[in-house]
PDB file of N, CA and C in Angstrom:
ATOM      1  N   UNK A   1     -39.213  -9.035  12.454  1.00  0.00           N
ATOM      2  CA  UNK A   1     -39.232  -8.539  13.808  1.00  0.00           C
ATOM      3  C   UNK A   1     -38.350  -9.403  14.696  1.00  0.00           C
ATOM      4  N   UNK A   2     -37.685  -8.764  15.627  1.00  0.00           N
ATOM      5  CA  UNK A   2     -36.774  -9.442  16.532  1.00  0.00           C
ATOM      6  C   UNK A   2     -37.214  -9.172  17.969  1.00  0.00           C
ATOM      7  N   UNK A   3     -37.303 -10.228  18.755  1.00  0.00           N
ATOM      8  CA  UNK A   3     -37.624 -10.093  20.179  1.00  0.00           C
ATOM      9  C   UNK A   3     -36.561 -10.828  20.965  1.00  0.00           C
ATOM     10  N   UNK A   4     -36.094 -10.189  22.012  1.00  0.00           N
ATOM     11  CA  UNK A   4     -35.107 -10.798  22.894  1.00  0.00           C
ATOM     12  C   UNK A   4     -35.765 -10.977  24.260  1.00  0.00           C
ATOM     13  N   UNK A   5     -35.668 -12.190  24.786  1.00  0.00           N
ATOM     14  CA  UNK A   5     -36.298 -12.559  26.048  1.00  0.00           C
ATOM     15  C   UNK A   5     -35.221 -12.777  27.096  1.00  0.00           C
ATOM     16  N   UNK A   6     -35.481 -12.302  28.308  1.00  0.00           N
ATOM     17  CA  UNK A   6     -34.533 -12.518  29.382  1.00  0.00           C
ATOM     18  C   UNK A   6     -34.780 -11.608  30.559  1.00  0.00           C
ATOM     19  N   UNK A   7     -33.709 -11.329  31.278  1.00  0.00           N
ATOM     20  CA  UNK A   7     -33.745 -10.519  32.492  1.00  0.00           C
ATOM     21  C   UNK A   7     -32.773  -9.363  32.308  1.00  0.00           C
ATOM     22  N   UNK A   8     -33.250  -8.179  32.555  1.00  0.00           N
ATOM     23  CA  UNK A   8     -32.496  -6.961  32.258  1.00  0.00           C
ATOM     24  C   UNK A   8     -31.105  -6.914  32.902  1.00  0.00           C
ATOM     25  N   UNK A   9     -30.966  -7.378  34.142  1.00  0.00           N
ATOM     26  CA  UNK A   9     -29.693  -7.257  34.880  1.00  0.00           C
ATOM     27  C   UNK A   9     -28.647  -8.295  34.497  1.00  0.00           C
ATOM     28  N   UNK A  10     -29.013  -9.296  33.740  1.00  0.00           N
ATOM     29  CA  UNK A  10     -28.099 -10.381  33.384  1.00  0.00           C
ATOM     30  C   UNK A  10     -26.948  -9.848  32.534  1.00  0.00           C
ATOM     31  N   UNK A  11     -25.724 -10.201  32.883  1.00  0.00           N
ATOM     32  CA  UNK A  11     -24.548  -9.726  32.153  1.00  0.00           C
ATOM     33  C   UNK A  11     -24.570 -10.150  30.680  1.00  0.00           C
ATOM     34  N   UNK A  12     -24.997 -11.375  30.413  1.00  0.00           N
ATOM     35  CA  UNK A  12     -25.048 -11.837  29.031  1.00  0.00           C
ATOM     36  C   UNK A  12     -26.102 -11.052  28.245  1.00  0.00           C
ATOM     37  N   UNK A  13     -27.199 -10.747  28.898  1.00  0.00           N
ATOM     38  CA  UNK A  13     -28.233  -9.924  28.253  1.00  0.00           C
ATOM     39  C   UNK A  13     -27.667  -8.553  27.910  1.00  0.00           C
ATOM     40  N   UNK A  14     -26.912  -7.971  28.831  1.00  0.00           N
ATOM     41  CA  UNK A  14     -26.332  -6.645  28.595  1.00  0.00           C
ATOM     42  C   UNK A  14     -25.402  -6.668  27.385  1.00  0.00           C
ATOM     43  N   UNK A  15     -24.638  -7.749  27.240  1.00  0.00           N
ATOM     44  CA  UNK A  15     -23.762  -7.887  26.070  1.00  0.00           C
ATOM     45  C   UNK A  15     -24.583  -7.973  24.787  1.00  0.00           C
ATOM     46  N   UNK A  16     -25.672  -8.742  24.831  1.00  0.00           N
ATOM     47  CA  UNK A  16     -26.527  -8.880  23.646  1.00  0.00           C
ATOM     48  C   UNK A  16     -27.188  -7.544  23.301  1.00  0.00           C
ATOM     49  N   UNK A  17     -27.712  -6.841  24.308  1.00  0.00           N
ATOM     50  CA  UNK A  17     -28.308  -5.521  24.066  1.00  0.00           C
ATOM     51  C   UNK A  17     -27.290  -4.593  23.416  1.00  0.00           C
ATOM     52  N   UNK A  18     -26.086  -4.578  23.960  1.00  0.00           N
ATOM     53  CA  UNK A  18     -25.030  -3.722  23.432  1.00  0.00           C
ATOM     54  C   UNK A  18     -24.714  -4.048  21.985  1.00  0.00           C
ATOM     55  N   UNK A  19     -24.615  -5.334  21.676  1.00  0.00           N
ATOM     56  CA  UNK A  19     -24.309  -5.742  20.308  1.00  0.00           C
ATOM     57  C   UNK A  19     -25.421  -5.302  19.358  1.00  0.00           C
ATOM     58  N   UNK A  20     -26.668  -5.547  19.750  1.00  0.00           N
ATOM     59  CA  UNK A  20     -27.794  -5.169  18.900  1.00  0.00           C
ATOM     60  C   UNK A  20     -27.814  -3.660  18.662  1.00  0.00           C
ATOM     61  N   UNK A  21     -27.578  -2.894  19.708  1.00  0.00           N
ATOM     62  CA  UNK A  21     -27.592  -1.433  19.582  1.00  0.00           C
ATOM     63  C   UNK A  21     -26.428  -0.933  18.733  1.00  0.00           C
ATOM     64  N   UNK A  22     -25.228  -1.483  18.923  1.00  0.00           N
ATOM     65  CA  UNK A  22     -24.065  -1.084  18.126  1.00  0.00           C
ATOM     66  C   UNK A  22     -24.267  -1.382  16.638  1.00  0.00           C
ATOM     67  N   UNK A  23     -25.059  -2.408  16.364  1.00  0.00           N
ATOM     68  CA  UNK A  23     -25.294  -2.807  14.972  1.00  0.00           C
ATOM     69  C   UNK A  23     -26.625  -2.282  14.433  1.00  0.00           C
ATOM     70  N   UNK A  24     -27.195  -1.334  15.158  1.00  0.00           N
ATOM     71  CA  UNK A  24     -28.433  -0.669  14.730  1.00  0.00           C
ATOM     72  C   UNK A  24     -29.559  -1.644  14.396  1.00  0.00           C
ATOM     73  N   UNK A  25     -29.718  -2.646  15.225  1.00  0.00           N
ATOM     74  CA  UNK A  25     -30.781  -3.626  15.022  1.00  0.00           C
ATOM     75  C   UNK A  25     -31.889  -3.325  16.024  1.00  0.00           C
ATOM     76  N   UNK A  26     -33.073  -3.060  15.502  1.00  0.00           N
ATOM     77  CA  UNK A  26     -34.190  -2.777  16.397  1.00  0.00           C
ATOM     78  C   UNK A  26     -34.759  -4.095  16.920  1.00  0.00           C
ATOM     79  N   UNK A  27     -35.207  -4.056  18.149  1.00  0.00           N
ATOM     80  CA  UNK A  27     -35.723  -5.261  18.794  1.00  0.00           C
ATOM     81  C   UNK A  27     -36.724  -4.865  19.876  1.00  0.00           C
ATOM     82  N   UNK A  28     -37.545  -5.817  20.243  1.00  0.00           N
ATOM     83  CA  UNK A  28     -38.415  -5.683  21.408  1.00  0.00           C
ATOM     84  C   UNK A  28     -37.788  -6.517  22.515  1.00  0.00           C
ATOM     85  N   UNK A  29     -37.877  -6.014  23.734  1.00  0.00           N
ATOM     86  CA  UNK A  29     -37.361  -6.745  24.890  1.00  0.00           C
ATOM     87  C   UNK A  29     -38.528  -7.244  25.724  1.00  0.00           C
ATOM     88  N   UNK A  30     -38.510  -8.528  26.012  1.00  0.00           N
ATOM     89  CA  UNK A  30     -39.525  -9.147  26.872  1.00  0.00           C
ATOM     90  C   UNK A  30     -38.831  -9.539  28.170  1.00  0.00           C
ATOM     91  N   UNK A  31     -39.189  -8.872  29.250  1.00  0.00           N
ATOM     92  CA  UNK A  31     -38.568  -9.076  30.558  1.00  0.00           C
ATOM     93  C   UNK A  31     -39.306 -10.164  31.332  1.00  0.00           C
ATOM     94  N   UNK A  32     -38.632 -11.294  31.556  1.00  0.00           N
ATOM     95  CA  UNK A  32     -39.243 -12.394  32.295  1.00  0.00           C
ATOM     96  C   UNK A  32     -39.706 -11.969  33.684  1.00  0.00           C
ATOM     97  N   UNK A  33     -38.950 -11.090  34.324  1.00  0.00           N
ATOM     98  CA  UNK A  33     -39.290 -10.672  35.688  1.00  0.00           C
ATOM     99  C   UNK A  33     -40.616  -9.919  35.727  1.00  0.00           C
ATOM    100  N   UNK A  34     -40.882  -9.122  34.696  1.00  0.00           N
ATOM    101  CA  UNK A  34     -42.100  -8.310  34.672  1.00  0.00           C
ATOM    102  C   UNK A  34     -43.243  -8.963  33.902  1.00  0.00           C
ATOM    103  N   UNK A  35     -42.888  -9.746  32.855  1.00  0.00           N
ATOM    104  CA  UNK A  35     -43.915 -10.252  31.956  1.00  0.00           C
ATOM    105  C   UNK A  35     -44.055 -11.776  31.954  1.00  0.00           C
ATOM    106  N   UNK A  36     -43.197 -12.471  32.681  1.00  0.00           N
ATOM    107  CA  UNK A  36     -43.236 -13.925  32.679  1.00  0.00           C
ATOM    108  C   UNK A  36     -42.668 -14.510  31.399  1.00  0.00           C
ATOM    109  N   UNK A  37     -42.724 -15.814  31.306  1.00  0.00           N
ATOM    110  CA  UNK A  37     -42.202 -16.528  30.136  1.00  0.00           C
ATOM    111  C   UNK A  37     -43.379 -16.996  29.288  1.00  0.00           C
ATOM    112  N   UNK A  38     -43.508 -16.487  28.059  1.00  0.00           N
ATOM    113  CA  UNK A  38     -44.629 -16.901  27.202  1.00  0.00           C
ATOM    114  C   UNK A  38     -44.528 -18.386  26.833  1.00  0.00           C
ATOM    115  N   UNK A  39     -45.589 -19.098  27.101  1.00  0.00           N
ATOM    116  CA  UNK A  39     -45.600 -20.542  26.875  1.00  0.00           C
ATOM    117  C   UNK A  39     -45.204 -20.916  25.446  1.00  0.00           C
ATOM    118  N   UNK A  40     -45.749 -20.197  24.456  1.00  0.00           N
ATOM    119  CA  UNK A  40     -45.487 -20.567  23.063  1.00  0.00           C
ATOM    120  C   UNK A  40     -44.022 -20.342  22.677  1.00  0.00           C
ATOM    121  N   UNK A  41     -43.387 -19.349  23.267  1.00  0.00           N
ATOM    122  CA  UNK A  41     -41.973 -19.077  22.980  1.00  0.00           C
ATOM    123  C   UNK A  41     -41.095 -20.162  23.611  1.00  0.00           C
ATOM    124  N   UNK A  42     -41.412 -20.515  24.852  1.00  0.00           N
ATOM    125  CA  UNK A  42     -40.647 -21.573  25.533  1.00  0.00           C
ATOM    126  C   UNK A  42     -40.854 -22.895  24.803  1.00  0.00           C
ATOM    127  N   UNK A  43     -42.088 -23.179  24.390  1.00  0.00           N
ATOM    128  CA  UNK A  43     -42.367 -24.403  23.636  1.00  0.00           C
ATOM    129  C   UNK A  43     -41.546 -24.458  22.355  1.00  0.00           C
ATOM    130  N   UNK A  44     -41.474 -23.350  21.648  1.00  0.00           N
ATOM    131  CA  UNK A  44     -40.690 -23.293  20.410  1.00  0.00           C
ATOM    132  C   UNK A  44     -39.221 -23.577  20.701  1.00  0.00           C
ATOM    133  N   UNK A  45     -38.671 -22.920  21.705  1.00  0.00           N
ATOM    134  CA  UNK A  45     -37.260 -23.129  22.047  1.00  0.00           C
ATOM    135  C   UNK A  45     -37.009 -24.587  22.448  1.00  0.00           C
ATOM    136  N   UNK A  46     -37.907 -25.155  23.223  1.00  0.00           N
ATOM    137  CA  UNK A  46     -37.753 -26.551  23.638  1.00  0.00           C
ATOM    138  C   UNK A  46     -37.797 -27.489  22.436  1.00  0.00           C
ATOM    139  N   UNK A  47     -38.713 -27.252  21.516  1.00  0.00           N
ATOM    140  CA  UNK A  47     -38.807 -28.155  20.360  1.00  0.00           C
ATOM    141  C   UNK A  47     -37.623 -27.975  19.413  1.00  0.00           C
ATOM    142  N   UNK A  48     -37.078 -26.754  19.312  1.00  0.00           N
ATOM    143  CA  UNK A  48     -35.951 -26.523  18.411  1.00  0.00           C
ATOM    144  C   UNK A  48     -34.602 -26.891  19.017  1.00  0.00           C
ATOM    145  N   UNK A  49     -34.482 -26.799  20.347  1.00  0.00           N
ATOM    146  CA  UNK A  49     -33.164 -26.986  20.973  1.00  0.00           C
ATOM    147  C   UNK A  49     -33.102 -28.100  22.013  1.00  0.00           C
ATOM    148  N   UNK A  50     -34.253 -28.613  22.472  1.00  0.00           N
ATOM    149  CA  UNK A  50     -34.278 -29.641  23.512  1.00  0.00           C
ATOM    150  C   UNK A  50     -34.116 -29.033  24.892  1.00  0.00           C
ATOM    151  N   UNK A  51     -34.716 -29.671  25.882  1.00  0.00           N
ATOM    152  CA  UNK A  51     -34.702 -29.080  27.226  1.00  0.00           C
ATOM    153  C   UNK A  51     -33.294 -28.959  27.782  1.00  0.00           C
ATOM    154  N   UNK A  52     -32.395 -29.867  27.401  1.00  0.00           N
ATOM    155  CA  UNK A  52     -31.028 -29.835  27.932  1.00  0.00           C
ATOM    156  C   UNK A  52     -30.307 -28.545  27.571  1.00  0.00           C
ATOM    157  N   UNK A  53     -30.699 -27.919  26.455  1.00  0.00           N
ATOM    158  CA  UNK A  53     -30.076 -26.668  26.026  1.00  0.00           C
ATOM    159  C   UNK A  53     -30.848 -25.435  26.481  1.00  0.00           C
ATOM    160  N   UNK A  54     -32.151 -25.570  26.676  1.00  0.00           N
ATOM    161  CA  UNK A  54     -32.987 -24.434  27.068  1.00  0.00           C
ATOM    162  C   UNK A  54     -32.876 -24.157  28.563  1.00  0.00           C
ATOM    163  N   UNK A  55     -32.818 -25.213  29.345  1.00  0.00           N
ATOM    164  CA  UNK A  55     -32.744 -25.067  30.800  1.00  0.00           C
ATOM    165  C   UNK A  55     -31.295 -24.806  31.203  1.00  0.00           C
ATOM    166  N   UNK A  56     -31.089 -23.696  31.916  1.00  0.00           N
ATOM    167  CA  UNK A  56     -29.758 -23.311  32.372  1.00  0.00           C
ATOM    168  C   UNK A  56     -29.442 -24.041  33.680  1.00  0.00           C
ATOM    169  N   UNK A  57     -28.533 -24.996  33.606  1.00  0.00           N
ATOM    170  CA  UNK A  57     -28.180 -25.790  34.786  1.00  0.00           C
ATOM    171  C   UNK A  57     -27.043 -25.161  35.595  1.00  0.00           C
ATOM    172  N   UNK A  58     -26.560 -23.998  35.173  1.00  0.00           N
ATOM    173  CA  UNK A  58     -25.460 -23.364  35.902  1.00  0.00           C
ATOM    174  C   UNK A  58     -25.932 -22.330  36.923  1.00  0.00           C
ATOM    175  N   UNK A  59     -27.172 -21.899  36.825  1.00  0.00           N
ATOM    176  CA  UNK A  59     -27.653 -20.805  37.658  1.00  0.00           C
ATOM    177  C   UNK A  59     -28.186 -21.240  39.008  1.00  0.00           C
ATOM    178  N   UNK A  60     -28.452 -20.251  39.831  1.00  0.00           N
ATOM    179  CA  UNK A  60     -28.963 -20.525  41.181  1.00  0.00           C
ATOM    180  C   UNK A  60     -30.374 -21.095  41.150  1.00  0.00           C
ATOM    181  N   UNK A  61     -31.166 -20.739  40.145  1.00  0.00           N
ATOM    182  CA  UNK A  61     -32.528 -21.287  40.068  1.00  0.00           C
ATOM    183  C   UNK A  61     -32.461 -22.804  39.966  1.00  0.00           C
ATOM    184  N   UNK A  62     -31.590 -23.318  39.103  1.00  0.00           N
ATOM    185  CA  UNK A  62     -31.420 -24.766  38.955  1.00  0.00           C
ATOM    186  C   UNK A  62     -30.899 -25.374  40.258  1.00  0.00           C
ATOM    187  N   UNK A  63     -29.881 -24.770  40.822  1.00  0.00           N
ATOM    188  CA  UNK A  63     -29.284 -25.323  42.046  1.00  0.00           C
ATOM    189  C   UNK A  63     -30.269 -25.369  43.203  1.00  0.00           C
ATOM    190  N   UNK A  64     -31.243 -24.461  43.217  1.00  0.00           N
ATOM    191  CA  UNK A  64     -32.215 -24.421  44.302  1.00  0.00           C
ATOM    192  C   UNK A  64     -33.409 -25.352  44.103  1.00  0.00           C
ATOM    193  N   UNK A  65     -33.476 -26.016  42.965  1.00  0.00           N
ATOM    194  CA  UNK A  65     -34.579 -26.956  42.734  1.00  0.00           C
ATOM    195  C   UNK A  65     -34.370 -28.221  43.564  1.00  0.00           C
ATOM    196  N   UNK A  66     -35.464 -28.849  43.990  1.00  0.00           N
ATOM    197  CA  UNK A  66     -35.331 -30.136  44.681  1.00  0.00           C
ATOM    198  C   UNK A  66     -34.680 -31.174  43.766  1.00  0.00           C
ATOM    199  N   UNK A  67     -33.923 -32.075  44.353  1.00  0.00           N
ATOM    200  CA  UNK A  67     -33.203 -33.097  43.571  1.00  0.00           C
ATOM    201  C   UNK A  67     -34.149 -33.929  42.714  1.00  0.00           C
ATOM    202  N   UNK A  68     -35.324 -34.273  43.237  1.00  0.00           N
ATOM    203  CA  UNK A  68     -36.242 -35.103  42.453  1.00  0.00           C
ATOM    204  C   UNK A  68     -36.734 -34.368  41.210  1.00  0.00           C
ATOM    205  N   UNK A  69     -36.893 -33.049  41.273  1.00  0.00           N
ATOM    206  CA  UNK A  69     -37.304 -32.276  40.095  1.00  0.00           C
ATOM    207  C   UNK A  69     -36.189 -32.308  39.055  1.00  0.00           C
ATOM    208  N   UNK A  70     -34.953 -32.108  39.506  1.00  0.00           N
ATOM    209  CA  UNK A  70     -33.815 -32.103  38.577  1.00  0.00           C
ATOM    210  C   UNK A  70     -33.604 -33.473  37.940  1.00  0.00           C
ATOM    211  N   UNK A  71     -33.756 -34.531  38.714  1.00  0.00           N
ATOM    212  CA  UNK A  71     -33.463 -35.868  38.194  1.00  0.00           C
ATOM    213  C   UNK A  71     -34.580 -36.412  37.310  1.00  0.00           C
ATOM    214  N   UNK A  72     -35.787 -35.874  37.437  1.00  0.00           N
ATOM    215  CA  UNK A  72     -36.922 -36.410  36.685  1.00  0.00           C
ATOM    216  C   UNK A  72     -37.382 -35.495  35.555  1.00  0.00           C
ATOM    217  N   UNK A  73     -36.601 -34.489  35.210  1.00  0.00           N
ATOM    218  CA  UNK A  73     -37.022 -33.534  34.188  1.00  0.00           C
ATOM    219  C   UNK A  73     -37.136 -34.204  32.818  1.00  0.00           C
ATOM    220  N   UNK A  74     -38.179 -33.831  32.107  1.00  0.00           N
ATOM    221  CA  UNK A  74     -38.420 -34.330  30.752  1.00  0.00           C
ATOM    222  C   UNK A  74     -38.703 -33.127  29.862  1.00  0.00           C
ATOM    223  N   UNK A  75     -38.832 -33.374  28.584  1.00  0.00           N
ATOM    224  CA  UNK A  75     -39.178 -32.310  27.637  1.00  0.00           C
ATOM    225  C   UNK A  75     -40.493 -31.642  28.064  1.00  0.00           C
ATOM    226  N   UNK A  76     -41.454 -32.448  28.504  1.00  0.00           N
ATOM    227  CA  UNK A  76     -42.766 -31.927  28.894  1.00  0.00           C
ATOM    228  C   UNK A  76     -42.695 -31.162  30.214  1.00  0.00           C
ATOM    229  N   UNK A  77     -42.010 -31.714  31.198  1.00  0.00           N
ATOM    230  CA  UNK A  77     -41.946 -31.033  32.501  1.00  0.00           C
ATOM    231  C   UNK A  77     -41.087 -29.772  32.428  1.00  0.00           C
ATOM    232  N   UNK A  78     -40.186 -29.710  31.464  1.00  0.00           N
ATOM    233  CA  UNK A  78     -39.336 -28.520  31.307  1.00  0.00           C
ATOM    234  C   UNK A  78     -40.175 -27.293  30.962  1.00  0.00           C
ATOM    235  N   UNK A  79     -41.265 -27.477  30.231  1.00  0.00           N
ATOM    236  CA  UNK A  79     -42.139 -26.359  29.882  1.00  0.00           C
ATOM    237  C   UNK A  79     -42.764 -25.759  31.140  1.00  0.00           C
ATOM    238  N   UNK A  80     -43.322 -26.604  31.998  1.00  0.00           N
ATOM    239  CA  UNK A  80     -43.901 -26.117  33.262  1.00  0.00           C
ATOM    240  C   UNK A  80     -42.835 -25.477  34.132  1.00  0.00           C
ATOM    241  N   UNK A  81     -41.678 -26.104  34.202  1.00  0.00           N
ATOM    242  CA  UNK A  81     -40.579 -25.577  34.999  1.00  0.00           C
ATOM    243  C   UNK A  81     -40.186 -24.181  34.529  1.00  0.00           C
ATOM    244  N   UNK A  82     -40.057 -24.000  33.217  1.00  0.00           N
ATOM    245  CA  UNK A  82     -39.665 -22.703  32.660  1.00  0.00           C
ATOM    246  C   UNK A  82     -40.758 -21.656  32.848  1.00  0.00           C
ATOM    247  N   UNK A  83     -42.013 -22.064  32.703  1.00  0.00           N
ATOM    248  CA  UNK A  83     -43.115 -21.115  32.903  1.00  0.00           C
ATOM    249  C   UNK A  83     -43.163 -20.625  34.348  1.00  0.00           C
ATOM    250  N   UNK A  84     -42.918 -21.530  35.276  1.00  0.00           N
ATOM    251  CA  UNK A  84     -42.986 -21.182  36.698  1.00  0.00           C
ATOM    252  C   UNK A  84     -41.700 -20.564  37.233  1.00  0.00           C
ATOM    253  N   UNK A  85     -40.594 -20.760  36.524  1.00  0.00           N
ATOM    254  CA  UNK A  85     -39.281 -20.243  36.932  1.00  0.00           C
ATOM    255  C   UNK A  85     -38.565 -19.687  35.701  1.00  0.00           C
ATOM    256  N   UNK A  86     -39.021 -18.572  35.140  1.00  0.00           N
ATOM    257  CA  UNK A  86     -38.425 -18.094  33.893  1.00  0.00           C
ATOM    258  C   UNK A  86     -36.928 -17.820  33.984  1.00  0.00           C
ATOM    259  N   UNK A  87     -36.415 -17.600  35.193  1.00  0.00           N
ATOM    260  CA  UNK A  87     -34.978 -17.366  35.362  1.00  0.00           C
ATOM    261  C   UNK A  87     -34.148 -18.583  34.979  1.00  0.00           C
ATOM    262  N   UNK A  88     -34.795 -19.729  34.858  1.00  0.00           N
ATOM    263  CA  UNK A  88     -34.061 -20.959  34.552  1.00  0.00           C
ATOM    264  C   UNK A  88     -33.799 -21.123  33.055  1.00  0.00           C
ATOM    265  N   UNK A  89     -34.446 -20.300  32.225  1.00  0.00           N
ATOM    266  CA  UNK A  89     -34.252 -20.383  30.774  1.00  0.00           C
ATOM    267  C   UNK A  89     -32.935 -19.715  30.410  1.00  0.00           C
ATOM    268  N   UNK A  90     -32.155 -20.395  29.580  1.00  0.00           N
ATOM    269  CA  UNK A  90     -30.875 -19.836  29.133  1.00  0.00           C
ATOM    270  C   UNK A  90     -31.113 -18.478  28.480  1.00  0.00           C
ATOM    271  N   UNK A  91     -30.246 -17.534  28.781  1.00  0.00           N
ATOM    272  CA  UNK A  91     -30.424 -16.163  28.291  1.00  0.00           C
ATOM    273  C   UNK A  91     -29.257 -15.740  27.418  1.00  0.00           C
ATOM    274  N   UNK A  92     -29.559 -14.850  26.496  1.00  0.00           N
ATOM    275  CA  UNK A  92     -30.890 -14.469  26.039  1.00  0.00           C
ATOM    276  C   UNK A  92     -31.507 -15.542  25.160  1.00  0.00           C
ATOM    277  N   UNK A  93     -32.807 -15.471  25.065  1.00  0.00           N
ATOM    278  CA  UNK A  93     -33.555 -16.265  24.097  1.00  0.00           C
ATOM    279  C   UNK A  93     -34.000 -15.260  23.043  1.00  0.00           C
ATOM    280  N   UNK A  94     -33.509 -15.434  21.849  1.00  0.00           N
ATOM    281  CA  UNK A  94     -33.764 -14.489  20.763  1.00  0.00           C
ATOM    282  C   UNK A  94     -34.689 -15.148  19.743  1.00  0.00           C
ATOM    283  N   UNK A  95     -35.711 -14.422  19.322  1.00  0.00           N
ATOM    284  CA  UNK A  95     -36.562 -14.883  18.229  1.00  0.00           C
ATOM    285  C   UNK A  95     -36.378 -13.892  17.084  1.00  0.00           C
ATOM    286  N   UNK A  96     -35.906 -14.397  15.959  1.00  0.00           N
ATOM    287  CA  UNK A  96     -35.667 -13.559  14.783  1.00  0.00           C
ATOM    288  C   UNK A  96     -36.152 -14.317  13.553  1.00  0.00           C
ATOM    289  N   UNK A  97     -37.073 -13.697  12.824  1.00  0.00           N
ATOM    290  CA  UNK A  97     -37.644 -14.309  11.621  1.00  0.00           C
ATOM    291  C   UNK A  97     -38.191 -15.707  11.901  1.00  0.00           C
ATOM    292  N   UNK A  98     -38.850 -15.842  13.056  1.00  0.00           N
ATOM    293  CA  UNK A  98     -39.504 -17.100  13.397  1.00  0.00           C
ATOM    294  C   UNK A  98     -38.602 -18.187  13.942  1.00  0.00           C
ATOM    295  N   UNK A  99     -37.314 -17.940  14.019  1.00  0.00           N
ATOM    296  CA  UNK A  99     -36.340 -18.924  14.516  1.00  0.00           C
ATOM    297  C   UNK A  99     -35.878 -18.514  15.910  1.00  0.00           C
ATOM    298  N   UNK A 100     -35.642 -19.495  16.784  1.00  0.00           N
ATOM    299  CA  UNK A 100     -35.151 -19.180  18.126  1.00  0.00           C
ATOM    300  C   UNK A 100     -33.655 -19.468  18.237  1.00  0.00           C
ATOM    301  N   UNK A 101     -32.994 -18.648  19.039  1.00  0.00           N
ATOM    302  CA  UNK A 101     -31.552 -18.772  19.287  1.00  0.00           C
ATOM    303  C   UNK A 101     -31.318 -18.610  20.780  1.00  0.00           C
ATOM    304  N   UNK A 102     -30.401 -19.391  21.329  1.00  0.00           N
ATOM    305  CA  UNK A 102     -30.100 -19.360  22.761  1.00  0.00           C
ATOM    306  C   UNK A 102     -28.708 -18.809  23.011  1.00  0.00           C
ATOM    307  N   UNK A 103     -28.583 -18.002  24.062  1.00  0.00           N
ATOM    308  CA  UNK A 103     -27.286 -17.480  24.461  1.00  0.00           C
ATOM    309  C   UNK A 103     -26.834 -16.339  23.565  1.00  0.00           C
ATOM    310  N   UNK A 104     -25.646 -15.832  23.856  1.00  0.00           N
ATOM    311  CA  UNK A 104     -25.094 -14.749  23.048  1.00  0.00           C
ATOM    312  C   UNK A 104     -23.628 -14.983  22.764  1.00  0.00           C
ATOM    313  N   UNK A 105     -23.306 -14.960  21.490  1.00  0.00           N
ATOM    314  CA  UNK A 105     -21.923 -14.931  21.018  1.00  0.00           C
ATOM    315  C   UNK A 105     -21.928 -13.980  19.834  1.00  0.00           C
ATOM    316  N   UNK A 106     -21.042 -12.989  19.819  1.00  0.00           N
ATOM    317  CA  UNK A 106     -21.036 -12.013  18.725  1.00  0.00           C
ATOM    318  C   UNK A 106     -21.006 -12.653  17.342  1.00  0.00           C
ATOM    319  N   UNK A 107     -20.195 -13.691  17.173  1.00  0.00           N
ATOM    320  CA  UNK A 107     -20.072 -14.312  15.848  1.00  0.00           C
ATOM    321  C   UNK A 107     -21.374 -14.996  15.416  1.00  0.00           C
ATOM    322  N   UNK A 108     -22.127 -15.509  16.368  1.00  0.00           N
ATOM    323  CA  UNK A 108     -23.414 -16.133  16.017  1.00  0.00           C
ATOM    324  C   UNK A 108     -24.427 -15.055  15.635  1.00  0.00           C
ATOM    325  N   UNK A 109     -24.451 -13.951  16.403  1.00  0.00           N
ATOM    326  CA  UNK A 109     -25.355 -12.848  16.065  1.00  0.00           C
ATOM    327  C   UNK A 109     -24.997 -12.264  14.701  1.00  0.00           C
ATOM    328  N   UNK A 110     -23.710 -12.204  14.379  1.00  0.00           N
ATOM    329  CA  UNK A 110     -23.288 -11.731  13.043  1.00  0.00           C
ATOM    330  C   UNK A 110     -23.950 -12.579  11.966  1.00  0.00           C
ATOM    331  N   UNK A 111     -23.902 -13.880  12.161  1.00  0.00           N
ATOM    332  CA  UNK A 111     -24.505 -14.792  11.184  1.00  0.00           C
ATOM    333  C   UNK A 111     -26.009 -14.657  11.094  1.00  0.00           C
ATOM    334  N   UNK A 112     -26.660 -14.458  12.226  1.00  0.00           N
ATOM    335  CA  UNK A 112     -28.114 -14.325  12.252  1.00  0.00           C
ATOM    336  C   UNK A 112     -28.550 -13.076  11.487  1.00  0.00           C
ATOM    337  N   UNK A 113     -27.894 -11.968  11.756  1.00  0.00           N
ATOM    338  CA  UNK A 113     -28.363 -10.681  11.231  1.00  0.00           C
ATOM    339  C   UNK A 113     -27.732 -10.277   9.907  1.00  0.00           C
ATOM    340  N   UNK A 114     -26.687 -10.959   9.485  1.00  0.00           N
ATOM    341  CA  UNK A 114     -26.072 -10.644   8.197  1.00  0.00           C
ATOM    342  C   UNK A 114     -26.340 -11.681   7.141  1.00  0.00           C
ATOM    343  N   UNK A 115     -27.195 -12.645   7.501  1.00  0.00           N
ATOM    344  CA  UNK A 115     -27.502 -13.720   6.549  1.00  0.00           C
ATOM    345  C   UNK A 115     -28.506 -13.268   5.509  1.00  0.00           C
TER     346      UNK A 115
END
């Protein structure tokens, strides 16, 4: 089973959806805006990739955080931050066969689904 987590309007999400559909890969979509960020999924991504890769520092959510929150972030505080601000998680977050993947690049998805 494959689940893709993110926000429907995100351009990168749209590219990932398009790729999955073009390659006839069925998936479930979990919308952070409507359903929030599941703690266990964020925990898995943090443990597999580290907070520096899971937390998107390029977006407006990050830029709008107080400086002390940004400067004092840890692996543990990143979980609370992501749960309370799911828009801050790098998108898409893909779970396939129990493994998590961050972002979208066609060549990486090729490897995931053709392996």
